[in-house]
Amino acid sequence: MVTTLTDVRRARRVAEQVPDPELPMLTLADLGVLRDVEVTGDGTVVASLTPTYSGCPAMAEMRADVAARLREAGYARVEIRTVLNPPWTTDWITPQGRRKLTEHGIAPPGAAPRPASGPLPLVLSPTRRTVACPRCGSADTEETSRFAATSCKALWRCRTCREPFEYVKEI
C-alpha cells in the first residue's frame, strides 16, 4: 500500500479534533498532547500522545478516543503510542488553547519553570505567583486549594470580582 501525504494530513486532521476528556473545550492538539500522526507503508495510522502528568488517569480515555475517531474515519488499522520523552510541558498548550481556557473561566498557565544548568536549588518556601482572573482580568487573586477537580488544576479566587476559578498549573 502506498501512503500519500493526503492520507497523513487527513489522519492528522481527524486526530487533532479529539477533545480532551478533562478539559473538553480543548482538543488534544490544543493541549499539546497529540505529538505526531503518521501512516505506515501498510496503512496503519500511528498516533503518538504524551501524557500531561505521569500516571495521568485521562490517558486511557485519550488513547481510546483517538483510536475510535480514526476508526470511524475509515482507518482499519490504528496504533496509539505513548511518548514520554521529552516530557509534556504546559508550554505546549497552543495560543488557541490558552484563549479557550480563558473563555471558559479557567486561567491558563504561565511559562513553565525552566531549570538553569547545574543542580536545582532547594526552595522550602512556597513561590508566590500572580494569576490573572479569567473573568475580570484582575491580578488580585489568591489560591484557595492546590488541588481542583483534576491533578493539573488548582482552585483560585479573585478578590476583585469575588469569583472562584480554576487555574492550570505550570509543569
C-alpha atoms as a PDB file:
ATOM      1  CA  MET A   1       0.000   0.000   0.000  1.00  0.00           C
ATOM      2  CA  VAL A   2       1.329   3.427  -0.910  1.00  0.00           C
ATOM      3  CA  THR A   3       0.928   6.109   1.750  1.00  0.00           C
ATOM      4  CA  THR A   4       0.360   9.608   0.457  1.00  0.00           C
ATOM      5  CA  LEU A   5       0.773  12.977   2.081  1.00  0.00           C
ATOM      6  CA  THR A   6      -3.003  13.374   1.754  1.00  0.00           C
ATOM      7  CA  ASP A   7      -3.513  10.230   3.893  1.00  0.00           C
ATOM      8  CA  VAL A   8      -1.247  11.608   6.612  1.00  0.00           C
ATOM      9  CA  ARG A   9      -2.886  15.054   6.573  1.00  0.00           C
ATOM     10  CA  ARG A  10      -6.382  13.571   6.724  1.00  0.00           C
ATOM     11  CA  ALA A  11      -5.471  11.257   9.617  1.00  0.00           C
ATOM     12  CA  ARG A  12      -3.827  14.165  11.452  1.00  0.00           C
ATOM     13  CA  ARG A  13      -6.938  16.365  10.998  1.00  0.00           C
ATOM     14  CA  VAL A  14      -9.099  13.610  12.481  1.00  0.00           C
ATOM     15  CA  ALA A  15      -6.804  13.115  15.486  1.00  0.00           C
ATOM     16  CA  GLU A  16      -6.422  16.871  16.039  1.00  0.00           C
ATOM     17  CA  GLN A  17     -10.169  17.242  16.601  1.00  0.00           C
ATOM     18  CA  VAL A  18     -10.396  14.792  19.528  1.00  0.00           C
ATOM     19  CA  PRO A  19     -11.426  16.690  22.695  1.00  0.00           C
ATOM     20  CA  ASP A  20      -9.549  16.331  25.951  1.00  0.00           C
ATOM     21  CA  PRO A  21     -11.677  14.252  28.388  1.00  0.00           C
ATOM     22  CA  GLU A  22     -10.945  16.541  31.356  1.00  0.00           C
ATOM     23  CA  LEU A  23     -10.933  19.889  29.541  1.00  0.00           C
ATOM     24  CA  PRO A  24     -13.450  19.261  26.740  1.00  0.00           C
ATOM     25  CA  MET A  25     -13.212  22.830  25.440  1.00  0.00           C
ATOM     26  CA  LEU A  26      -9.704  21.875  24.251  1.00  0.00           C
ATOM     27  CA  THR A  27      -8.690  19.374  21.624  1.00  0.00           C
ATOM     28  CA  LEU A  28      -5.704  17.140  22.229  1.00  0.00           C
ATOM     29  CA  ALA A  29      -3.895  19.296  19.656  1.00  0.00           C
ATOM     30  CA  ASP A  30      -4.776  22.494  21.599  1.00  0.00           C
ATOM     31  CA  LEU A  31      -3.419  20.877  24.742  1.00  0.00           C
ATOM     32  CA  GLY A  32      -0.220  19.800  23.011  1.00  0.00           C
ATOM     33  CA  VAL A  33      -0.754  16.148  23.936  1.00  0.00           C
ATOM     34  CA  LEU A  34      -1.028  14.964  20.322  1.00  0.00           C
ATOM     35  CA  ARG A  35       2.615  14.628  19.323  1.00  0.00           C
ATOM     36  CA  ASP A  36       2.541  13.064  15.892  1.00  0.00           C
ATOM     37  CA  VAL A  37       0.400  11.226  13.378  1.00  0.00           C
ATOM     38  CA  GLU A  38       1.889   9.078  10.666  1.00  0.00           C
ATOM     39  CA  VAL A  39       0.659   6.441   8.252  1.00  0.00           C
ATOM     40  CA  THR A  40       2.937   3.440   7.776  1.00  0.00           C
ATOM     41  CA  GLY A  41       3.526   1.621   4.500  1.00  0.00           C
ATOM     42  CA  ASP A  42       0.830  -0.957   5.318  1.00  0.00           C
ATOM     43  CA  GLY A  43      -1.755   1.776   6.003  1.00  0.00           C
ATOM     44  CA  THR A  44      -1.610   1.683   9.817  1.00  0.00           C
ATOM     45  CA  VAL A  45      -2.257   5.073  11.357  1.00  0.00           C
ATOM     46  CA  VAL A  46       0.117   5.656  14.266  1.00  0.00           C
ATOM     47  CA  ALA A  47      -0.838   8.493  16.610  1.00  0.00           C
ATOM     48  CA  SER A  48       1.632   9.474  19.336  1.00  0.00           C
ATOM     49  CA  LEU A  49       0.414  11.041  22.581  1.00  0.00           C
ATOM     50  CA  THR A  50       2.301  12.438  25.557  1.00  0.00           C
ATOM     51  CA  PRO A  51       0.589  12.423  28.979  1.00  0.00           C
ATOM     52  CA  THR A  52       0.394  15.708  30.840  1.00  0.00           C
ATOM     53  CA  TYR A  53       1.398  14.009  34.095  1.00  0.00           C
ATOM     54  CA  SER A  54       2.989  10.707  34.966  1.00  0.00           C
ATOM     55  CA  GLY A  55       0.102   8.375  35.686  1.00  0.00           C
ATOM     56  CA  CYS A  56      -2.473  10.768  34.183  1.00  0.00           C
ATOM     57  CA  PRO A  57      -5.821   8.965  34.623  1.00  0.00           C
ATOM     58  CA  ALA A  58      -7.198  10.538  31.430  1.00  0.00           C
ATOM     59  CA  MET A  59      -4.541   8.907  29.245  1.00  0.00           C
ATOM     60  CA  ALA A  60      -6.517   5.687  28.711  1.00  0.00           C
ATOM     61  CA  GLU A  61      -9.542   7.718  27.630  1.00  0.00           C
ATOM     62  CA  MET A  62      -7.412   9.853  25.280  1.00  0.00           C
ATOM     63  CA  ARG A  63      -5.949   6.760  23.643  1.00  0.00           C
ATOM     64  CA  ALA A  64      -9.375   5.164  23.230  1.00  0.00           C
ATOM     65  CA  ASP A  65     -10.935   8.367  21.857  1.00  0.00           C
ATOM     66  CA  VAL A  66      -8.208   8.927  19.262  1.00  0.00           C
ATOM     67  CA  ALA A  67      -8.374   5.290  18.143  1.00  0.00           C
ATOM     68  CA  ALA A  68     -12.184   5.378  17.913  1.00  0.00           C
ATOM     69  CA  ARG A  69     -12.229   8.622  15.901  1.00  0.00           C
ATOM     70  CA  LEU A  70      -9.629   7.299  13.467  1.00  0.00           C
ATOM     71  CA  ARG A  71     -11.553   4.039  13.012  1.00  0.00           C
ATOM     72  CA  GLU A  72     -14.791   5.991  12.472  1.00  0.00           C
ATOM     73  CA  ALA A  73     -12.954   7.950   9.758  1.00  0.00           C
ATOM     74  CA  GLY A  74     -12.293   4.694   7.921  1.00  0.00           C
ATOM     75  CA  TYR A  75      -8.827   3.715   9.125  1.00  0.00           C
ATOM     76  CA  ALA A  76      -8.958  -0.014   9.840  1.00  0.00           C
ATOM     77  CA  ARG A  77      -5.507  -0.304  11.448  1.00  0.00           C
ATOM     78  CA  VAL A  78      -4.775   2.152  14.239  1.00  0.00           C
ATOM     79  CA  GLU A  79      -1.952   2.182  16.766  1.00  0.00           C
ATOM     80  CA  ILE A  80      -1.665   4.666  19.625  1.00  0.00           C
ATOM     81  CA  ARG A  81       1.803   5.191  21.079  1.00  0.00           C
ATOM     82  CA  THR A  82       2.692   6.869  24.337  1.00  0.00           C
ATOM     83  CA  VAL A  83       5.742   9.117  24.031  1.00  0.00           C
ATOM     84  CA  LEU A  84       7.388  10.168  27.291  1.00  0.00           C
ATOM     85  CA  ASN A  85      10.484  11.970  26.067  1.00  0.00           C
ATOM     86  CA  PRO A  86      10.606  14.873  26.049  1.00  0.00           C
ATOM     87  CA  PRO A  87       8.012  15.172  28.790  1.00  0.00           C
ATOM     88  CA  TRP A  88       4.948  17.312  28.186  1.00  0.00           C
ATOM     89  CA  THR A  89       5.003  20.864  29.471  1.00  0.00           C
ATOM     90  CA  THR A  90       2.284  23.491  29.718  1.00  0.00           C
ATOM     91  CA  ASP A  91       4.297  25.491  27.168  1.00  0.00           C
ATOM     92  CA  TRP A  92       2.882  23.066  24.576  1.00  0.00           C
ATOM     93  CA  ILE A  93      -0.653  24.446  25.040  1.00  0.00           C
ATOM     94  CA  THR A  94      -1.360  26.424  21.872  1.00  0.00           C
ATOM     95  CA  PRO A  95      -2.350  30.097  21.913  1.00  0.00           C
ATOM     96  CA  GLN A  96      -5.815  28.987  20.754  1.00  0.00           C
ATOM     97  CA  GLY A  97      -5.951  26.519  23.664  1.00  0.00           C
ATOM     98  CA  ARG A  98      -4.998  29.244  26.146  1.00  0.00           C
ATOM     99  CA  ARG A  99      -7.713  31.504  24.707  1.00  0.00           C
ATOM    100  CA  LYS A 100     -10.298  28.704  25.009  1.00  0.00           C
ATOM    101  CA  LEU A 101      -9.347  28.107  28.658  1.00  0.00           C
ATOM    102  CA  THR A 102      -9.823  31.783  29.474  1.00  0.00           C
ATOM    103  CA  GLU A 103     -13.145  31.895  27.619  1.00  0.00           C
ATOM    104  CA  HIS A 104     -14.342  29.013  29.800  1.00  0.00           C
ATOM    105  CA  GLY A 105     -13.301  30.674  33.070  1.00  0.00           C
ATOM    106  CA  ILE A 106     -10.067  28.729  33.576  1.00  0.00           C
ATOM    107  CA  ALA A 107      -6.835  30.673  33.983  1.00  0.00           C
ATOM    108  CA  PRO A 108      -4.209  29.368  31.550  1.00  0.00           C
ATOM    109  CA  PRO A 109      -0.740  28.598  32.872  1.00  0.00           C
ATOM    110  CA  GLY A 110       2.192  30.952  32.641  1.00  0.00           C
ATOM    111  CA  ALA A 111       5.531  29.834  31.259  1.00  0.00           C
ATOM    112  CA  ALA A 112       6.705  26.500  32.620  1.00  0.00           C
ATOM    113  CA  PRO A 113       9.640  26.693  35.034  1.00  0.00           C
ATOM    114  CA  ARG A 114      12.963  26.197  33.290  1.00  0.00           C
ATOM    115  CA  PRO A 115      15.826  24.841  35.356  1.00  0.00           C
ATOM    116  CA  ALA A 116      19.168  26.576  34.979  1.00  0.00           C
ATOM    117  CA  SER A 117      22.113  24.434  34.121  1.00  0.00           C
ATOM    118  CA  GLY A 118      23.560  22.561  37.044  1.00  0.00           C
ATOM    119  CA  PRO A 119      21.842  21.466  40.241  1.00  0.00           C
ATOM    120  CA  LEU A 120      18.381  22.757  41.058  1.00  0.00           C
ATOM    121  CA  PRO A 121      18.220  24.970  44.140  1.00  0.00           C
ATOM    122  CA  LEU A 122      16.142  23.689  47.042  1.00  0.00           C
ATOM    123  CA  VAL A 123      13.349  26.130  47.842  1.00  0.00           C
ATOM    124  CA  LEU A 124      11.481  25.446  51.078  1.00  0.00           C
ATOM    125  CA  SER A 125       9.010  28.299  50.983  1.00  0.00           C
ATOM    126  CA  PRO A 126       6.114  28.419  48.526  1.00  0.00           C
ATOM    127  CA  THR A 127       6.672  30.505  45.439  1.00  0.00           C
ATOM    128  CA  ARG A 128       4.370  33.483  45.060  1.00  0.00           C
ATOM    129  CA  ARG A 129       2.778  33.641  41.667  1.00  0.00           C
ATOM    130  CA  THR A 130       0.321  36.039  40.197  1.00  0.00           C
ATOM    131  CA  VAL A 131      -2.610  34.553  38.340  1.00  0.00           C
ATOM    132  CA  ALA A 132      -4.934  36.879  36.476  1.00  0.00           C
ATOM    133  CA  CYS A 133      -8.654  36.290  36.919  1.00  0.00           C
ATOM    134  CA  PRO A 134     -10.047  34.874  33.664  1.00  0.00           C
ATOM    135  CA  ARG A 135     -13.315  36.742  34.251  1.00  0.00           C
ATOM    136  CA  CYS A 136     -12.270  40.312  35.082  1.00  0.00           C
ATOM    137  CA  GLY A 137      -8.506  40.256  34.455  1.00  0.00           C
ATOM    138  CA  SER A 138      -7.562  41.378  37.969  1.00  0.00           C
ATOM    139  CA  ALA A 139      -4.229  40.184  39.352  1.00  0.00           C
ATOM    140  CA  ASP A 140      -5.602  40.494  42.905  1.00  0.00           C
ATOM    141  CA  THR A 141      -6.224  36.760  43.277  1.00  0.00           C
ATOM    142  CA  GLU A 142      -5.442  34.060  45.809  1.00  0.00           C
ATOM    143  CA  GLU A 143      -5.023  30.315  45.735  1.00  0.00           C
ATOM    144  CA  THR A 144      -7.659  28.567  47.832  1.00  0.00           C
ATOM    145  CA  SER A 145      -6.609  24.968  47.129  1.00  0.00           C
ATOM    146  CA  ARG A 146      -3.576  23.498  45.385  1.00  0.00           C
ATOM    147  CA  PHE A 147      -5.834  20.758  44.041  1.00  0.00           C
ATOM    148  CA  ALA A 148      -9.001  21.011  41.957  1.00  0.00           C
ATOM    149  CA  ALA A 149     -11.123  18.545  40.003  1.00  0.00           C
ATOM    150  CA  THR A 150      -8.029  17.213  38.244  1.00  0.00           C
ATOM    151  CA  SER A 151      -4.407  16.994  39.355  1.00  0.00           C
ATOM    152  CA  CYS A 152      -3.348  19.529  36.721  1.00  0.00           C
ATOM    153  CA  LYS A 153      -5.513  22.344  38.123  1.00  0.00           C
ATOM    154  CA  ALA A 154      -5.680  24.426  41.327  1.00  0.00           C
ATOM    155  CA  LEU A 155      -8.559  26.475  42.764  1.00  0.00           C
ATOM    156  CA  TRP A 156      -8.214  30.256  42.954  1.00  0.00           C
ATOM    157  CA  ARG A 157     -10.461  33.176  43.870  1.00  0.00           C
ATOM    158  CA  CYS A 158     -10.486  36.730  42.605  1.00  0.00           C
ATOM    159  CA  ARG A 159     -10.548  39.350  45.342  1.00  0.00           C
ATOM    160  CA  THR A 160     -11.905  41.954  42.905  1.00  0.00           C
ATOM    161  CA  CYS A 161     -14.935  40.227  41.367  1.00  0.00           C
ATOM    162  CA  ARG A 162     -15.060  37.589  44.161  1.00  0.00           C
ATOM    163  CA  GLU A 163     -15.487  34.757  41.651  1.00  0.00           C
ATOM    164  CA  PRO A 164     -13.743  31.405  42.089  1.00  0.00           C
ATOM    165  CA  PHE A 165     -11.872  29.926  39.134  1.00  0.00           C
ATOM    166  CA  GLU A 166      -9.613  27.049  38.224  1.00  0.00           C
ATOM    167  CA  TYR A 167      -6.013  27.524  37.156  1.00  0.00           C
ATOM    168  CA  VAL A 168      -3.966  25.104  35.042  1.00  0.00           C
ATOM    169  CA  LYS A 169      -0.680  24.574  36.913  1.00  0.00           C
ATOM    170  CA  GLU A 170       2.615  25.000  35.092  1.00  0.00           C
ATOM    171  CA  ILE A 171       4.782  21.972  34.594  1.00  0.00           C
END
